[in-house]
PDB file of N, CA and C in Angstrom:
ATOM      1  N   MET A   1      -5.209  25.808 -14.739  1.00  0.00           N
ATOM      2  CA  MET A   1      -5.256  24.373 -14.572  1.00  0.00           C
ATOM      3  C   MET A   1      -4.314  23.687 -15.567  1.00  0.00           C
ATOM      4  N   THR A   2      -4.286  24.199 -16.786  1.00  0.00           N
ATOM      5  CA  THR A   2      -3.419  23.610 -17.810  1.00  0.00           C
ATOM      6  C   THR A   2      -1.955  23.771 -17.437  1.00  0.00           C
ATOM      7  N   GLU A   3      -1.595  24.946 -16.952  1.00  0.00           N
ATOM      8  CA  GLU A   3      -0.204  25.192 -16.557  1.00  0.00           C
ATOM      9  C   GLU A   3       0.192  24.323 -15.371  1.00  0.00           C
ATOM     10  N   ALA A   4      -0.709  24.147 -14.427  1.00  0.00           N
ATOM     11  CA  ALA A   4      -0.426  23.292 -13.272  1.00  0.00           C
ATOM     12  C   ALA A   4      -0.199  21.850 -13.721  1.00  0.00           C
ATOM     13  N   SER A   5      -1.037  21.366 -14.620  1.00  0.00           N
ATOM     14  CA  SER A   5      -0.876  19.995 -15.120  1.00  0.00           C
ATOM     15  C   SER A   5       0.440  19.843 -15.865  1.00  0.00           C
ATOM     16  N   ARG A   6       0.797  20.836 -16.656  1.00  0.00           N
ATOM     17  CA  ARG A   6       2.052  20.777 -17.405  1.00  0.00           C
ATOM     18  C   ARG A   6       3.252  20.741 -16.458  1.00  0.00           C
ATOM     19  N   CYS A   7       3.247  21.615 -15.469  1.00  0.00           N
ATOM     20  CA  CYS A   7       4.364  21.673 -14.517  1.00  0.00           C
ATOM     21  C   CYS A   7       4.458  20.394 -13.685  1.00  0.00           C
ATOM     22  N   LEU A   8       3.323  19.868 -13.267  1.00  0.00           N
ATOM     23  CA  LEU A   8       3.342  18.637 -12.479  1.00  0.00           C
ATOM     24  C   LEU A   8       3.790  17.446 -13.309  1.00  0.00           C
ATOM     25  N   ALA A   9       3.423  17.411 -14.576  1.00  0.00           N
ATOM     26  CA  ALA A   9       3.886  16.327 -15.450  1.00  0.00           C
ATOM     27  C   ALA A   9       5.406  16.399 -15.633  1.00  0.00           C
ATOM     28  N   LEU A  10       5.925  17.603 -15.795  1.00  0.00           N
ATOM     29  CA  LEU A  10       7.382  17.768 -15.891  1.00  0.00           C
ATOM     30  C   LEU A  10       8.069  17.370 -14.596  1.00  0.00           C
ATOM     31  N   SER A  11       7.456  17.722 -13.475  1.00  0.00           N
ATOM     32  CA  SER A  11       8.012  17.365 -12.170  1.00  0.00           C
ATOM     33  C   SER A  11       8.039  15.850 -11.993  1.00  0.00           C
ATOM     34  N   GLU A  12       6.970  15.197 -12.377  1.00  0.00           N
ATOM     35  CA  GLU A  12       6.926  13.742 -12.267  1.00  0.00           C
ATOM     36  C   GLU A  12       8.009  13.102 -13.133  1.00  0.00           C
ATOM     37  N   ALA A  13       8.154  13.582 -14.352  1.00  0.00           N
ATOM     38  CA  ALA A  13       9.179  13.032 -15.248  1.00  0.00           C
ATOM     39  C   ALA A  13      10.579  13.258 -14.687  1.00  0.00           C
ATOM     40  N   GLY A  14      10.801  14.438 -14.118  1.00  0.00           N
ATOM     41  CA  GLY A  14      12.111  14.746 -13.544  1.00  0.00           C
ATOM     42  C   GLY A  14      12.442  13.886 -12.338  1.00  0.00           C
ATOM     43  N   THR A  15      11.455  13.660 -11.481  1.00  0.00           N
ATOM     44  CA  THR A  15      11.719  12.830 -10.301  1.00  0.00           C
ATOM     45  C   THR A  15      11.940  11.375 -10.700  1.00  0.00           C
ATOM     46  N   ARG A  16      11.226  10.898 -11.710  1.00  0.00           N
ATOM     47  CA  ARG A  16      11.457   9.527 -12.182  1.00  0.00           C
ATOM     48  C   ARG A  16      12.872   9.380 -12.737  1.00  0.00           C
ATOM     49  N   LYS A  17      13.329  10.395 -13.438  1.00  0.00           N
ATOM     50  CA  LYS A  17      14.688  10.371 -13.981  1.00  0.00           C
ATOM     51  C   LYS A  17      15.708  10.343 -12.843  1.00  0.00           C
ATOM     52  N   GLN A  18      15.482  11.153 -11.817  1.00  0.00           N
ATOM     53  CA  GLN A  18      16.405  11.181 -10.680  1.00  0.00           C
ATOM     54  C   GLN A  18      16.389   9.866  -9.903  1.00  0.00           C
ATOM     55  N   MET A  19      15.229   9.222  -9.818  1.00  0.00           N
ATOM     56  CA  MET A  19      15.151   7.951  -9.088  1.00  0.00           C
ATOM     57  C   MET A  19      15.928   6.855  -9.802  1.00  0.00           C
ATOM     58  N   ARG A  20      16.017   6.936 -11.137  1.00  0.00           N
ATOM     59  CA  ARG A  20      16.761   5.928 -11.912  1.00  0.00           C
ATOM     60  C   ARG A  20      18.263   6.143 -11.849  1.00  0.00           C
ATOM     61  N   THR A  21      18.686   7.342 -11.466  1.00  0.00           N
ATOM     62  CA  THR A  21      20.113   7.648 -11.410  1.00  0.00           C
ATOM     63  C   THR A  21      20.764   6.840 -10.291  1.00  0.00           C
ATOM     64  N   ALA A  22      21.857   6.212 -10.607  1.00  0.00           N
ATOM     65  CA  ALA A  22      22.568   5.405  -9.613  1.00  0.00           C
ATOM     66  C   ALA A  22      23.283   6.294  -8.607  1.00  0.00           C
ATOM     67  N   LYS A  23      23.468   5.765  -7.418  1.00  0.00           N
ATOM     68  CA  LYS A  23      24.194   6.489  -6.375  1.00  0.00           C
ATOM     69  C   LYS A  23      25.655   6.621  -6.788  1.00  0.00           C
ATOM     70  N   PRO A  24      26.189   7.844  -6.749  1.00  0.00           N
ATOM     71  CA  PRO A  24      27.605   8.012  -7.077  1.00  0.00           C
ATOM     72  C   PRO A  24      28.485   7.222  -6.102  1.00  0.00           C
ATOM     73  N   LYS A  25      29.521   6.608  -6.626  1.00  0.00           N
ATOM     74  CA  LYS A  25      30.380   5.772  -5.782  1.00  0.00           C
ATOM     75  C   LYS A  25      31.238   6.581  -4.818  1.00  0.00           C
ATOM     76  N   ASP A  26      31.488   7.863  -5.133  1.00  0.00           N
ATOM     77  CA  ASP A  26      32.348   8.666  -4.279  1.00  0.00           C
ATOM     78  C   ASP A  26      31.600   9.369  -3.143  1.00  0.00           C
ATOM     79  N   ILE A  27      30.304   9.150  -3.020  1.00  0.00           N
ATOM     80  CA  ILE A  27      29.521   9.788  -1.960  1.00  0.00           C
ATOM     81  C   ILE A  27      29.344   8.817  -0.802  1.00  0.00           C
ATOM     82  N   GLN A  28      29.658   9.292   0.384  1.00  0.00           N
ATOM     83  CA  GLN A  28      29.416   8.525   1.598  1.00  0.00           C
ATOM     84  C   GLN A  28      28.018   8.878   2.086  1.00  0.00           C
ATOM     85  N   HIS A  29      27.131   7.914   2.079  1.00  0.00           N
ATOM     86  CA  HIS A  29      25.751   8.159   2.481  1.00  0.00           C
ATOM     87  C   HIS A  29      25.488   7.420   3.790  1.00  0.00           C
ATOM     88  N   HIS A  30      25.415   8.183   4.880  1.00  0.00           N
ATOM     89  CA  HIS A  30      25.156   7.598   6.192  1.00  0.00           C
ATOM     90  C   HIS A  30      23.826   8.152   6.696  1.00  0.00           C
ATOM     91  N   SER A  31      22.819   7.343   6.620  1.00  0.00           N
ATOM     92  CA  SER A  31      21.497   7.760   7.056  1.00  0.00           C
ATOM     93  C   SER A  31      20.662   6.529   7.342  1.00  0.00           C
ATOM     94  N   ARG A  32      19.618   6.708   8.129  1.00  0.00           N
ATOM     95  CA  ARG A  32      18.723   5.573   8.361  1.00  0.00           C
ATOM     96  C   ARG A  32      17.786   5.370   7.171  1.00  0.00           C
ATOM     97  N   PHE A  33      17.734   6.357   6.260  1.00  0.00           N
ATOM     98  CA  PHE A  33      16.907   6.267   5.059  1.00  0.00           C
ATOM     99  C   PHE A  33      17.802   5.940   3.869  1.00  0.00           C
ATOM    100  N   HIS A  34      17.250   5.194   2.925  1.00  0.00           N
ATOM    101  CA  HIS A  34      18.072   4.810   1.780  1.00  0.00           C
ATOM    102  C   HIS A  34      18.302   6.002   0.847  1.00  0.00           C
ATOM    103  N   TYR A  35      19.350   5.895   0.066  1.00  0.00           N
ATOM    104  CA  TYR A  35      19.750   6.958  -0.851  1.00  0.00           C
ATOM    105  C   TYR A  35      18.649   7.199  -1.883  1.00  0.00           C
ATOM    106  N   GLY A  36      18.270   8.442  -2.085  1.00  0.00           N
ATOM    107  CA  GLY A  36      17.278   8.806  -3.091  1.00  0.00           C
ATOM    108  C   GLY A  36      15.840   8.792  -2.609  1.00  0.00           C
ATOM    109  N   LEU A  37      15.615   8.608  -1.320  1.00  0.00           N
ATOM    110  CA  LEU A  37      14.256   8.574  -0.789  1.00  0.00           C
ATOM    111  C   LEU A  37      13.510   9.879  -1.037  1.00  0.00           C
ATOM    112  N   GLU A  38      14.228  10.990  -0.999  1.00  0.00           N
ATOM    113  CA  GLU A  38      13.567  12.290  -1.199  1.00  0.00           C
ATOM    114  C   GLU A  38      12.954  12.389  -2.597  1.00  0.00           C
ATOM    115  N   TRP A  39      13.590  11.735  -3.591  1.00  0.00           N
ATOM    116  CA  TRP A  39      13.034  11.759  -4.945  1.00  0.00           C
ATOM    117  C   TRP A  39      11.769  10.921  -5.033  1.00  0.00           C
ATOM    118  N   GLU A  40      11.729   9.834  -4.282  1.00  0.00           N
ATOM    119  CA  GLU A  40      10.526   9.010  -4.250  1.00  0.00           C
ATOM    120  C   GLU A  40       9.364   9.775  -3.606  1.00  0.00           C
ATOM    121  N   ILE A  41       9.646  10.537  -2.562  1.00  0.00           N
ATOM    122  CA  ILE A  41       8.610  11.329  -1.901  1.00  0.00           C
ATOM    123  C   ILE A  41       8.106  12.431  -2.831  1.00  0.00           C
ATOM    124  N   LEU A  42       9.029  13.122  -3.488  1.00  0.00           N
ATOM    125  CA  LEU A  42       8.622  14.164  -4.432  1.00  0.00           C
ATOM    126  C   LEU A  42       7.807  13.589  -5.585  1.00  0.00           C
ATOM    127  N   ASN A  43       8.182  12.407  -6.047  1.00  0.00           N
ATOM    128  CA  ASN A  43       7.443  11.770  -7.130  1.00  0.00           C
ATOM    129  C   ASN A  43       6.026  11.428  -6.683  1.00  0.00           C
ATOM    130  N   ALA A  44       5.884  10.887  -5.491  1.00  0.00           N
ATOM    131  CA  ALA A  44       4.553  10.546  -4.985  1.00  0.00           C
ATOM    132  C   ALA A  44       3.689  11.797  -4.859  1.00  0.00           C
ATOM    133  N   ASP A  45       4.270  12.893  -4.375  1.00  0.00           N
ATOM    134  CA  ASP A  45       3.527  14.151  -4.267  1.00  0.00           C
ATOM    135  C   ASP A  45       3.080  14.643  -5.639  1.00  0.00           C
ATOM    136  N   ALA A  46       3.976  14.579  -6.618  1.00  0.00           N
ATOM    137  CA  ALA A  46       3.641  15.042  -7.970  1.00  0.00           C
ATOM    138  C   ALA A  46       2.527  14.196  -8.572  1.00  0.00           C
ATOM    139  N   VAL A  47       2.572  12.895  -8.361  1.00  0.00           N
ATOM    140  CA  VAL A  47       1.544  12.005  -8.903  1.00  0.00           C
ATOM    141  C   VAL A  47       0.178  12.316  -8.288  1.00  0.00           C
ATOM    142  N   VAL A  48       0.146  12.515  -6.975  1.00  0.00           N
ATOM    143  CA  VAL A  48      -1.122  12.816  -6.302  1.00  0.00           C
ATOM    144  C   VAL A  48      -1.676  14.154  -6.777  1.00  0.00           C
ATOM    145  N   LEU A  49      -0.826  15.176  -6.827  1.00  0.00           N
ATOM    146  CA  LEU A  49      -1.287  16.496  -7.262  1.00  0.00           C
ATOM    147  C   LEU A  49      -1.717  16.497  -8.726  1.00  0.00           C
ATOM    148  N   LEU A  50      -1.022  15.748  -9.554  1.00  0.00           N
ATOM    149  CA  LEU A  50      -1.410  15.642 -10.959  1.00  0.00           C
ATOM    150  C   LEU A  50      -2.769  14.957 -11.083  1.00  0.00           C
ATOM    151  N   GLY A  51      -2.991  13.939 -10.290  1.00  0.00           N
ATOM    152  CA  GLY A  51      -4.299  13.283 -10.273  1.00  0.00           C
ATOM    153  C   GLY A  51      -5.404  14.227  -9.835  1.00  0.00           C
ATOM    154  N   LEU A  52      -5.112  15.072  -8.854  1.00  0.00           N
ATOM    155  CA  LEU A  52      -6.108  16.052  -8.414  1.00  0.00           C
ATOM    156  C   LEU A  52      -6.424  17.071  -9.503  1.00  0.00           C
ATOM    157  N   THR A  53      -5.420  17.505 -10.244  1.00  0.00           N
ATOM    158  CA  THR A  53      -5.687  18.460 -11.324  1.00  0.00           C
ATOM    159  C   THR A  53      -6.535  17.817 -12.419  1.00  0.00           C
ATOM    160  N   HIS A  54      -6.292  16.526 -12.692  1.00  0.00           N
ATOM    161  CA  HIS A  54      -7.114  15.828 -13.677  1.00  0.00           C
ATOM    162  C   HIS A  54      -8.563  15.720 -13.181  1.00  0.00           C
ATOM    163  N   ALA A  55      -8.729  15.402 -11.904  1.00  0.00           N
ATOM    164  CA  ALA A  55     -10.076  15.288 -11.349  1.00  0.00           C
ATOM    165  C   ALA A  55     -10.794  16.633 -11.380  1.00  0.00           C
ATOM    166  N   LEU A  56     -10.102  17.704 -11.028  1.00  0.00           N
ATOM    167  CA  LEU A  56     -10.717  19.028 -11.052  1.00  0.00           C
ATOM    168  C   LEU A  56     -11.082  19.441 -12.471  1.00  0.00           C
ATOM    169  N   ARG A  57     -10.242  19.104 -13.416  1.00  0.00           N
ATOM    170  CA  ARG A  57     -10.549  19.422 -14.819  1.00  0.00           C
ATOM    171  C   ARG A  57     -11.791  18.661 -15.270  1.00  0.00           C
ATOM    172  N   TYR A  58     -11.894  17.397 -14.872  1.00  0.00           N
ATOM    173  CA  TYR A  58     -13.050  16.595 -15.238  1.00  0.00           C
ATOM    174  C   TYR A  58     -14.323  17.176 -14.612  1.00  0.00           C
ATOM    175  N   VAL A  59     -14.258  17.549 -13.341  1.00  0.00           N
ATOM    176  CA  VAL A  59     -15.427  18.102 -12.658  1.00  0.00           C
ATOM    177  C   VAL A  59     -15.849  19.411 -13.309  1.00  0.00           C
ATOM    178  N   SER A  60     -14.907  20.274 -13.642  1.00  0.00           N
ATOM    179  CA  SER A  60     -15.269  21.548 -14.260  1.00  0.00           C
ATOM    180  C   SER A  60     -15.857  21.324 -15.655  1.00  0.00           C
ATOM    181  N   TYR A  61     -15.347  20.341 -16.385  1.00  0.00           N
ATOM    182  CA  TYR A  61     -15.903  20.013 -17.699  1.00  0.00           C
ATOM    183  C   TYR A  61     -17.321  19.463 -17.545  1.00  0.00           C
ATOM    184  N   PHE A  62     -17.512  18.568 -16.583  1.00  0.00           N
ATOM    185  CA  PHE A  62     -18.824  17.980 -16.342  1.00  0.00           C
ATOM    186  C   PHE A  62     -19.836  19.057 -15.957  1.00  0.00           C
ATOM    187  N   ASN A  63     -19.421  19.988 -15.105  1.00  0.00           N
ATOM    188  CA  ASN A  63     -20.318  21.082 -14.716  1.00  0.00           C
ATOM    189  C   ASN A  63     -20.682  21.951 -15.916  1.00  0.00           C
ATOM    190  N   ALA A  64     -19.737  22.199 -16.791  1.00  0.00           N
ATOM    191  CA  ALA A  64     -20.010  23.005 -17.985  1.00  0.00           C
ATOM    192  C   ALA A  64     -20.994  22.291 -18.906  1.00  0.00           C
ATOM    193  N   VAL A  65     -20.837  20.989 -19.048  1.00  0.00           N
ATOM    194  CA  VAL A  65     -21.759  20.210 -19.879  1.00  0.00           C
ATOM    195  C   VAL A  65     -23.154  20.229 -19.284  1.00  0.00           C
ATOM    196  N   MET A  66     -23.256  20.062 -17.977  1.00  0.00           N
ATOM    197  CA  MET A  66     -24.558  20.064 -17.323  1.00  0.00           C
ATOM    198  C   MET A  66     -25.222  21.433 -17.421  1.00  0.00           C
ATOM    199  N   ASP A  67     -24.458  22.488 -17.271  1.00  0.00           N
ATOM    200  CA  ASP A  67     -25.009  23.838 -17.410  1.00  0.00           C
ATOM    201  C   ASP A  67     -25.545  24.056 -18.819  1.00  0.00           C
ATOM    202  N   GLY A  68     -24.811  23.588 -19.809  1.00  0.00           N
ATOM    203  CA  GLY A  68     -25.258  23.706 -21.194  1.00  0.00           C
ATOM    204  C   GLY A  68     -26.520  22.909 -21.454  1.00  0.00           C
ATOM    205  N   ALA A  69     -26.619  21.741 -20.853  1.00  0.00           N
ATOM    206  CA  ALA A  69     -27.801  20.906 -21.036  1.00  0.00           C
ATOM    207  C   ALA A  69     -29.022  21.542 -20.375  1.00  0.00           C
ATOM    208  N   GLN A  70     -28.817  22.177 -19.225  1.00  0.00           N
ATOM    209  CA  GLN A  70     -29.933  22.834 -18.550  1.00  0.00           C
ATOM    210  C   GLN A  70     -30.404  24.050 -19.322  1.00  0.00           C
ATOM    211  N   ARG A  71     -29.506  24.753 -19.964  1.00  0.00           N
ATOM    212  CA  ARG A  71     -29.889  25.939 -20.752  1.00  0.00           C
ATOM    213  C   ARG A  71     -30.693  25.541 -21.978  1.00  0.00           C
ATOM    214  N   MET A  72     -30.450  24.350 -22.516  1.00  0.00           N
ATOM    215  CA  MET A  72     -31.155  23.903 -23.713  1.00  0.00           C
ATOM    216  C   MET A  72     -32.601  23.517 -23.406  1.00  0.00           C
ATOM    217  N   GLN A  73     -32.906  23.245 -22.156  1.00  0.00           N
ATOM    218  CA  GLN A  73     -34.260  22.816 -21.795  1.00  0.00           C
ATOM    219  C   GLN A  73     -35.226  23.962 -21.747  1.00  0.00           C
TER     220      GLN A  73
END
């Protein structure tokens, strides 16, 4: 879980950096989608997956706390 969170955080940072990069002037971009849309999609995926890893970490921590509390009774 820790490695997944680390990799997803790096991915999010990398996609944000790519989204800020200006379109090179020497590239002809002919598409119905704007330049750099793929980086926005990758960033959204990384954010969602990172949120899921945080939620799973919280749930596993909560379960461990509850198990410990039940053992003390």
